All heavy atoms as atom14 arrays in JSON, in Angstrom:
{
  "sequence": "SLNLSCAASGSTLDDVAIGWFRQAPGKEREGISCIG",
  "atom14_mask": [
    [1, 1, 1, 1, 1, 1, 0, 0, 0, 0, 0, 0, 0, 0],
    [1, 1, 1, 1, 1, 1, 1, 1, 0, 0, 0, 0, 0, 0],
    [1, 1, 1, 1, 1, 1, 1, 1, 0, 0, 0, 0, 0, 0],
    [1, 1, 1, 1, 1, 1, 1, 1, 0, 0, 0, 0, 0, 0],
    [1, 1, 1, 1, 1, 1, 0, 0, 0, 0, 0, 0, 0, 0],
    [1, 1, 1, 1, 1, 1, 0, 0, 0, 0, 0, 0, 0, 0],
    [1, 1, 1, 1, 1, 0, 0, 0, 0, 0, 0, 0, 0, 0],
    [1, 1, 1, 1, 1, 0, 0, 0, 0, 0, 0, 0, 0, 0],
    [1, 1, 1, 1, 1, 1, 0, 0, 0, 0, 0, 0, 0, 0],
    [1, 1, 1, 1, 0, 0, 0, 0, 0, 0, 0, 0, 0, 0],
    [1, 1, 1, 1, 1, 1, 0, 0, 0, 0, 0, 0, 0, 0],
    [1, 1, 1, 1, 1, 1, 1, 0, 0, 0, 0, 0, 0, 0],
    [1, 1, 1, 1, 1, 1, 1, 1, 0, 0, 0, 0, 0, 0],
    [1, 1, 1, 1, 1, 1, 1, 1, 0, 0, 0, 0, 0, 0],
    [1, 1, 1, 1, 1, 1, 1, 1, 0, 0, 0, 0, 0, 0],
    [1, 1, 1, 1, 1, 1, 1, 0, 0, 0, 0, 0, 0, 0],
    [1, 1, 1, 1, 1, 0, 0, 0, 0, 0, 0, 0, 0, 0],
    [1, 1, 1, 1, 1, 1, 1, 1, 0, 0, 0, 0, 0, 0],
    [1, 1, 1, 1, 0, 0, 0, 0, 0, 0, 0, 0, 0, 0],
    [1, 1, 1, 1, 1, 1, 1, 1, 1, 1, 1, 1, 1, 1],
    [1, 1, 1, 1, 1, 1, 1, 1, 1, 1, 1, 0, 0, 0],
    [1, 1, 1, 1, 1, 1, 1, 1, 1, 1, 1, 0, 0, 0],
    [1, 1, 1, 1, 1, 1, 1, 1, 1, 0, 0, 0, 0, 0],
    [1, 1, 1, 1, 1, 0, 0, 0, 0, 0, 0, 0, 0, 0],
    [1, 1, 1, 1, 1, 1, 1, 0, 0, 0, 0, 0, 0, 0],
    [1, 1, 1, 1, 0, 0, 0, 0, 0, 0, 0, 0, 0, 0],
    [1, 1, 1, 1, 1, 1, 1, 1, 1, 0, 0, 0, 0, 0],
    [1, 1, 1, 1, 1, 1, 1, 1, 1, 0, 0, 0, 0, 0],
    [1, 1, 1, 1, 1, 1, 1, 1, 1, 1, 1, 0, 0, 0],
    [1, 1, 1, 1, 1, 1, 1, 1, 1, 0, 0, 0, 0, 0],
    [1, 1, 1, 1, 0, 0, 0, 0, 0, 0, 0, 0, 0, 0],
    [1, 1, 1, 1, 1, 1, 1, 1, 0, 0, 0, 0, 0, 0],
    [1, 1, 1, 1, 1, 1, 0, 0, 0, 0, 0, 0, 0, 0],
    [1, 1, 1, 1, 1, 1, 0, 0, 0, 0, 0, 0, 0, 0],
    [1, 1, 1, 1, 1, 1, 1, 1, 0, 0, 0, 0, 0, 0],
    [1, 1, 1, 1, 0, 0, 0, 0, 0, 0, 0, 0, 0, 0]
  ],
  "atom14_positions": [
    [[-11.87, 7.07, -127.86], [-11.99, 8.49, -128.27], [-13.22, 8.7, -129.11], [-13.74, 7.81, -129.8], [-10.76, 8.95, -129.05], [-9.62, 8.8, -128.3], [0.0, 0.0, 0.0], [0.0, 0.0, 0.0], [0.0, 0.0, 0.0], [0.0, 0.0, 0.0], [0.0, 0.0, 0.0], [0.0, 0.0, 0.0], [0.0, 0.0, 0.0], [0.0, 0.0, 0.0]],
    [[-13.72, 9.91, -129.05], [-14.79, 10.38, -129.9], [-14.53, 11.86, -130.31], [-13.9, 12.58, -129.57], [-16.15, 10.3, -129.21], [-16.81, 8.92, -129.03], [-18.06, 9.04, -128.21], [-17.11, 8.3, -130.37], [0.0, 0.0, 0.0], [0.0, 0.0, 0.0], [0.0, 0.0, 0.0], [0.0, 0.0, 0.0], [0.0, 0.0, 0.0], [0.0, 0.0, 0.0]],
    [[-14.99, 12.23, -131.46], [-14.94, 13.6, -131.92], [-16.31, 14.07, -132.22], [-16.98, 13.66, -133.17], [-14.05, 13.68, -133.18], [-13.74, 15.1, -133.58], [-13.83, 16.05, -132.76], [-13.41, 15.33, -134.86], [0.0, 0.0, 0.0], [0.0, 0.0, 0.0], [0.0, 0.0, 0.0], [0.0, 0.0, 0.0], [0.0, 0.0, 0.0], [0.0, 0.0, 0.0]],
    [[-16.77, 15.0, -131.37], [-18.11, 15.57, -131.51], [-18.09, 16.81, -132.42], [-17.12, 17.54, -132.41], [-18.7, 15.93, -130.17], [-18.74, 14.87, -129.07], [-19.44, 15.39, -127.84], [-19.45, 13.6, -129.58], [0.0, 0.0, 0.0], [0.0, 0.0, 0.0], [0.0, 0.0, 0.0], [0.0, 0.0, 0.0], [0.0, 0.0, 0.0], [0.0, 0.0, 0.0]],
    [[-19.14, 17.0, -133.17], [-19.29, 18.12, -134.04], [-20.5, 18.92, -133.71], [-21.53, 18.37, -133.31], [-19.32, 17.7, -135.49], [-18.19, 17.06, -135.89], [0.0, 0.0, 0.0], [0.0, 0.0, 0.0], [0.0, 0.0, 0.0], [0.0, 0.0, 0.0], [0.0, 0.0, 0.0], [0.0, 0.0, 0.0], [0.0, 0.0, 0.0], [0.0, 0.0, 0.0]],
    [[-20.45, 20.24, -133.85], [-21.56, 21.13, -133.62], [-21.67, 21.99, -134.89], [-20.82, 22.88, -135.11], [-21.33, 21.97, -132.39], [-22.6, 23.26, -132.15], [0.0, 0.0, 0.0], [0.0, 0.0, 0.0], [0.0, 0.0, 0.0], [0.0, 0.0, 0.0], [0.0, 0.0, 0.0], [0.0, 0.0, 0.0], [0.0, 0.0, 0.0], [0.0, 0.0, 0.0]],
    [[-22.63, 21.74, -135.71], [-22.8, 22.45, -136.98], [-23.85, 23.52, -136.83], [-24.92, 23.3, -136.29], [-23.21, 21.46, -138.11], [0.0, 0.0, 0.0], [0.0, 0.0, 0.0], [0.0, 0.0, 0.0], [0.0, 0.0, 0.0], [0.0, 0.0, 0.0], [0.0, 0.0, 0.0], [0.0, 0.0, 0.0], [0.0, 0.0, 0.0], [0.0, 0.0, 0.0]],
    [[-23.52, 24.72, -137.34], [-24.43, 25.85, -137.24], [-25.0, 26.18, -138.61], [-24.34, 26.03, -139.64], [-23.7, 27.08, -136.68], [0.0, 0.0, 0.0], [0.0, 0.0, 0.0], [0.0, 0.0, 0.0], [0.0, 0.0, 0.0], [0.0, 0.0, 0.0], [0.0, 0.0, 0.0], [0.0, 0.0, 0.0], [0.0, 0.0, 0.0], [0.0, 0.0, 0.0]],
    [[-26.21, 26.69, -138.62], [-26.86, 27.15, -139.82], [-27.65, 28.42, -139.46], [-27.96, 28.69, -138.33], [-27.8, 26.1, -140.41], [-28.83, 25.79, -139.49], [0.0, 0.0, 0.0], [0.0, 0.0, 0.0], [0.0, 0.0, 0.0], [0.0, 0.0, 0.0], [0.0, 0.0, 0.0], [0.0, 0.0, 0.0], [0.0, 0.0, 0.0], [0.0, 0.0, 0.0]],
    [[-27.92, 29.19, -140.51], [-28.7, 30.42, -140.3], [-27.85, 31.6, -139.97], [-28.37, 32.75, -140.0], [0.0, 0.0, 0.0], [0.0, 0.0, 0.0], [0.0, 0.0, 0.0], [0.0, 0.0, 0.0], [0.0, 0.0, 0.0], [0.0, 0.0, 0.0], [0.0, 0.0, 0.0], [0.0, 0.0, 0.0], [0.0, 0.0, 0.0], [0.0, 0.0, 0.0]],
    [[-26.62, 31.4, -139.62], [-25.7, 32.48, -139.23], [-24.27, 31.99, -139.26], [-24.04, 30.77, -139.14], [-26.07, 33.06, -137.83], [-25.17, 34.08, -137.5], [0.0, 0.0, 0.0], [0.0, 0.0, 0.0], [0.0, 0.0, 0.0], [0.0, 0.0, 0.0], [0.0, 0.0, 0.0], [0.0, 0.0, 0.0], [0.0, 0.0, 0.0], [0.0, 0.0, 0.0]],
    [[-23.32, 32.91, -139.41], [-21.92, 32.55, -139.28], [-21.55, 32.48, -137.82], [-22.29, 32.85, -136.94], [-21.0, 33.59, -139.96], [-21.05, 34.82, -139.26], [-21.5, 33.83, -141.39], [0.0, 0.0, 0.0], [0.0, 0.0, 0.0], [0.0, 0.0, 0.0], [0.0, 0.0, 0.0], [0.0, 0.0, 0.0], [0.0, 0.0, 0.0], [0.0, 0.0, 0.0]],
    [[-20.39, 31.86, -137.57], [-19.91, 31.72, -136.18], [-18.89, 32.86, -135.84], [-18.3, 32.81, -134.75], [-19.26, 30.37, -135.98], [-20.2, 29.17, -136.08], [-19.44, 27.88, -135.76], [-21.36, 29.32, -135.12], [0.0, 0.0, 0.0], [0.0, 0.0, 0.0], [0.0, 0.0, 0.0], [0.0, 0.0, 0.0], [0.0, 0.0, 0.0], [0.0, 0.0, 0.0]],
    [[-18.7, 33.76, -136.7], [-17.76, 34.87, -136.4], [-18.24, 35.66, -135.17], [-19.36, 36.03, -135.1], [-17.68, 35.81, -137.6], [-17.08, 35.15, -138.85], [-16.49, 34.07, -138.7], [-17.19, 35.72, -139.91], [0.0, 0.0, 0.0], [0.0, 0.0, 0.0], [0.0, 0.0, 0.0], [0.0, 0.0, 0.0], [0.0, 0.0, 0.0], [0.0, 0.0, 0.0]],
    [[-17.27, 35.84, -134.25], [-17.54, 36.66, -133.05], [-18.61, 36.04, -132.17], [-19.25, 36.73, -131.36], [-17.9, 38.11, -133.42], [-16.8, 38.79, -134.17], [-15.62, 38.6, -133.85], [-17.14, 39.55, -135.13], [0.0, 0.0, 0.0], [0.0, 0.0, 0.0], [0.0, 0.0, 0.0], [0.0, 0.0, 0.0], [0.0, 0.0, 0.0], [0.0, 0.0, 0.0]],
    [[-18.79, 34.71, -132.27], [-19.81, 34.04, -131.45], [-19.03, 32.99, -130.58], [-18.19, 32.25, -131.07], [-20.82, 33.3, -132.29], [-21.76, 32.5, -131.4], [-21.64, 34.32, -133.09], [0.0, 0.0, 0.0], [0.0, 0.0, 0.0], [0.0, 0.0, 0.0], [0.0, 0.0, 0.0], [0.0, 0.0, 0.0], [0.0, 0.0, 0.0], [0.0, 0.0, 0.0]],
    [[-19.31, 33.04, -129.28], [-18.74, 32.05, -128.38], [-19.51, 30.74, -128.47], [-20.76, 30.75, -128.48], [-18.74, 32.57, -126.95], [0.0, 0.0, 0.0], [0.0, 0.0, 0.0], [0.0, 0.0, 0.0], [0.0, 0.0, 0.0], [0.0, 0.0, 0.0], [0.0, 0.0, 0.0], [0.0, 0.0, 0.0], [0.0, 0.0, 0.0], [0.0, 0.0, 0.0]],
    [[-18.8, 29.65, -128.47], [-19.42, 28.31, -128.55], [-18.97, 27.51, -127.33], [-17.79, 27.49, -126.96], [-19.06, 27.56, -129.83], [-19.51, 28.36, -131.05], [-19.74, 26.19, -129.86], [-21.02, 28.51, -131.2], [0.0, 0.0, 0.0], [0.0, 0.0, 0.0], [0.0, 0.0, 0.0], [0.0, 0.0, 0.0], [0.0, 0.0, 0.0], [0.0, 0.0, 0.0]],
    [[-19.91, 26.78, -126.72], [-19.63, 25.99, -125.57], [-20.11, 24.53, -125.7], [-21.12, 24.3, -126.41], [0.0, 0.0, 0.0], [0.0, 0.0, 0.0], [0.0, 0.0, 0.0], [0.0, 0.0, 0.0], [0.0, 0.0, 0.0], [0.0, 0.0, 0.0], [0.0, 0.0, 0.0], [0.0, 0.0, 0.0], [0.0, 0.0, 0.0], [0.0, 0.0, 0.0]],
    [[-19.43, 23.62, -125.09], [-19.87, 22.23, -124.95], [-20.28, 21.99, -123.53], [-19.58, 22.34, -122.59], [-18.82, 21.28, -125.37], [-18.61, 21.16, -126.86], [-17.65, 21.77, -127.6], [-19.44, 20.37, -127.71], [-17.8, 21.39, -128.91], [-18.89, 20.55, -129.04], [-20.51, 19.5, -127.55], [-19.41, 19.91, -130.16], [-21.05, 18.88, -128.65], [-20.49, 19.1, -129.92]],
    [[-21.46, 21.39, -123.35], [-22.0, 21.07, -122.09], [-22.37, 19.59, -121.98], [-22.52, 18.93, -123.0], [-23.32, 21.88, -121.81], [-23.11, 23.39, -121.65], [-22.71, 24.13, -122.76], [-23.26, 24.01, -120.46], [-22.54, 25.5, -122.64], [-23.05, 25.36, -120.33], [-22.68, 26.12, -121.41], [0.0, 0.0, 0.0], [0.0, 0.0, 0.0], [0.0, 0.0, 0.0]],
    [[-22.47, 19.08, -120.79], [-22.91, 17.69, -120.63], [-23.9, 17.57, -119.52], [-23.91, 18.36, -118.59], [-21.73, 16.75, -120.37], [-21.08, 16.94, -119.02], [-19.87, 16.02, -118.88], [-19.25, 16.17, -117.59], [-18.07, 15.63, -117.21], [-17.43, 14.83, -118.12], [-17.56, 15.81, -116.04], [0.0, 0.0, 0.0], [0.0, 0.0, 0.0], [0.0, 0.0, 0.0]],
    [[-24.78, 16.6, -119.61], [-25.77, 16.36, -118.62], [-25.92, 14.83, -118.42], [-26.42, 14.17, -119.31], [-27.11, 16.96, -118.95], [-28.14, 16.88, -117.83], [-29.34, 17.8, -118.08], [-29.56, 18.23, -119.15], [-30.04, 18.13, -117.01], [0.0, 0.0, 0.0], [0.0, 0.0, 0.0], [0.0, 0.0, 0.0], [0.0, 0.0, 0.0], [0.0, 0.0, 0.0]],
    [[-25.48, 14.37, -117.26], [-25.57, 12.95, -116.94], [-26.92, 12.72, -116.25], [-27.53, 13.67, -115.68], [-24.43, 12.51, -116.0], [0.0, 0.0, 0.0], [0.0, 0.0, 0.0], [0.0, 0.0, 0.0], [0.0, 0.0, 0.0], [0.0, 0.0, 0.0], [0.0, 0.0, 0.0], [0.0, 0.0, 0.0], [0.0, 0.0, 0.0], [0.0, 0.0, 0.0]],
    [[-27.42, 11.52, -116.23], [-28.71, 11.22, -115.61], [-28.71, 11.66, -114.16], [-27.81, 11.31, -113.37], [-28.82, 9.68, -115.74], [-28.0, 9.37, -116.97], [-26.88, 10.32, -116.91], [0.0, 0.0, 0.0], [0.0, 0.0, 0.0], [0.0, 0.0, 0.0], [0.0, 0.0, 0.0], [0.0, 0.0, 0.0], [0.0, 0.0, 0.0], [0.0, 0.0, 0.0]],
    [[-29.73, 12.42, -113.76], [-29.84, 12.87, -112.39], [-28.97, 14.01, -112.02], [-28.98, 14.43, -110.84], [0.0, 0.0, 0.0], [0.0, 0.0, 0.0], [0.0, 0.0, 0.0], [0.0, 0.0, 0.0], [0.0, 0.0, 0.0], [0.0, 0.0, 0.0], [0.0, 0.0, 0.0], [0.0, 0.0, 0.0], [0.0, 0.0, 0.0], [0.0, 0.0, 0.0]],
    [[-28.24, 14.61, -112.94], [-27.32, 15.69, -112.64], [-27.68, 16.92, -113.49], [-28.39, 16.81, -114.48], [-25.89, 15.29, -112.89], [-25.35, 14.17, -112.0], [-23.89, 13.91, -112.2], [-23.4, 12.86, -111.28], [-21.93, 12.6, -111.46], [0.0, 0.0, 0.0], [0.0, 0.0, 0.0], [0.0, 0.0, 0.0], [0.0, 0.0, 0.0], [0.0, 0.0, 0.0]],
    [[-27.16, 18.07, -113.04], [-27.4, 19.31, -113.74], [-26.54, 19.42, -115.02], [-25.48, 18.8, -115.11], [-27.1, 20.52, -112.81], [-28.0, 20.57, -111.57], [-27.66, 21.79, -110.73], [-26.67, 22.44, -110.96], [-28.45, 22.04, -109.78], [0.0, 0.0, 0.0], [0.0, 0.0, 0.0], [0.0, 0.0, 0.0], [0.0, 0.0, 0.0], [0.0, 0.0, 0.0]],
    [[-27.04, 20.19, -115.95], [-26.21, 20.44, -117.14], [-25.09, 21.39, -116.75], [-25.27, 22.42, -116.1], [-27.09, 21.09, -118.21], [-26.37, 21.26, -119.55], [-27.34, 21.82, -120.61], [-28.52, 20.91, -120.79], [-29.46, 21.09, -121.72], [-29.39, 22.13, -122.53], [-30.49, 20.27, -121.76], [0.0, 0.0, 0.0], [0.0, 0.0, 0.0], [0.0, 0.0, 0.0]],
    [[-23.88, 21.05, -117.14], [-22.71, 21.79, -116.81], [-21.83, 22.1, -118.0], [-21.67, 21.28, -118.91], [-21.9, 21.06, -115.74], [-21.37, 19.73, -116.19], [-20.45, 19.04, -115.18], [-20.04, 19.72, -114.22], [-20.17, 17.84, -115.33], [0.0, 0.0, 0.0], [0.0, 0.0, 0.0], [0.0, 0.0, 0.0], [0.0, 0.0, 0.0], [0.0, 0.0, 0.0]],
    [[-21.2, 23.29, -118.01], [-20.29, 23.62, -119.02], [-18.95, 22.92, -118.84], [-18.43, 22.92, -117.72], [0.0, 0.0, 0.0], [0.0, 0.0, 0.0], [0.0, 0.0, 0.0], [0.0, 0.0, 0.0], [0.0, 0.0, 0.0], [0.0, 0.0, 0.0], [0.0, 0.0, 0.0], [0.0, 0.0, 0.0], [0.0, 0.0, 0.0], [0.0, 0.0, 0.0]],
    [[-18.44, 22.33, -119.91], [-17.16, 21.61, -119.81], [-16.07, 22.26, -120.66], [-14.88, 22.14, -120.33], [-17.33, 20.15, -120.15], [-17.87, 19.98, -121.62], [-18.24, 19.47, -119.17], [-17.84, 18.56, -122.08], [0.0, 0.0, 0.0], [0.0, 0.0, 0.0], [0.0, 0.0, 0.0], [0.0, 0.0, 0.0], [0.0, 0.0, 0.0], [0.0, 0.0, 0.0]],
    [[-16.43, 22.94, -121.74], [-15.44, 23.56, -122.59], [-16.08, 24.63, -123.44], [-17.12, 24.36, -124.06], [-14.72, 22.54, -123.43], [-13.67, 23.14, -124.2], [0.0, 0.0, 0.0], [0.0, 0.0, 0.0], [0.0, 0.0, 0.0], [0.0, 0.0, 0.0], [0.0, 0.0, 0.0], [0.0, 0.0, 0.0], [0.0, 0.0, 0.0], [0.0, 0.0, 0.0]],
    [[-15.47, 25.81, -123.51], [-15.95, 26.91, -124.32], [-14.81, 27.56, -125.09], [-13.66, 27.53, -124.66], [-16.67, 27.97, -123.48], [-18.26, 27.44, -122.78], [0.0, 0.0, 0.0], [0.0, 0.0, 0.0], [0.0, 0.0, 0.0], [0.0, 0.0, 0.0], [0.0, 0.0, 0.0], [0.0, 0.0, 0.0], [0.0, 0.0, 0.0], [0.0, 0.0, 0.0]],
    [[-15.18, 28.14, -126.21], [-14.19, 28.77, -127.08], [-14.69, 30.09, -127.61], [-15.89, 30.2, -127.92], [-13.76, 27.84, -128.23], [-12.59, 28.41, -129.04], [-14.98, 27.56, -129.17], [-12.0, 27.41, -130.02], [0.0, 0.0, 0.0], [0.0, 0.0, 0.0], [0.0, 0.0, 0.0], [0.0, 0.0, 0.0], [0.0, 0.0, 0.0], [0.0, 0.0, 0.0]],
    [[-13.84, 31.1, -127.64], [-14.2, 32.4, -128.14], [-13.91, 32.54, -129.63], [-13.73, 31.54, -130.36], [0.0, 0.0, 0.0], [0.0, 0.0, 0.0], [0.0, 0.0, 0.0], [0.0, 0.0, 0.0], [0.0, 0.0, 0.0], [0.0, 0.0, 0.0], [0.0, 0.0, 0.0], [0.0, 0.0, 0.0], [0.0, 0.0, 0.0], [0.0, 0.0, 0.0]]
  ]
}
């Protein structure tokens, strides 16, 4: 298991959608999980 973190600065995250994407070698970047 791993726990990834995404830290924001310069603005709050209120009312902002955040998504996690992944890109494997030779493949397109794809959305895997998003939260409102």
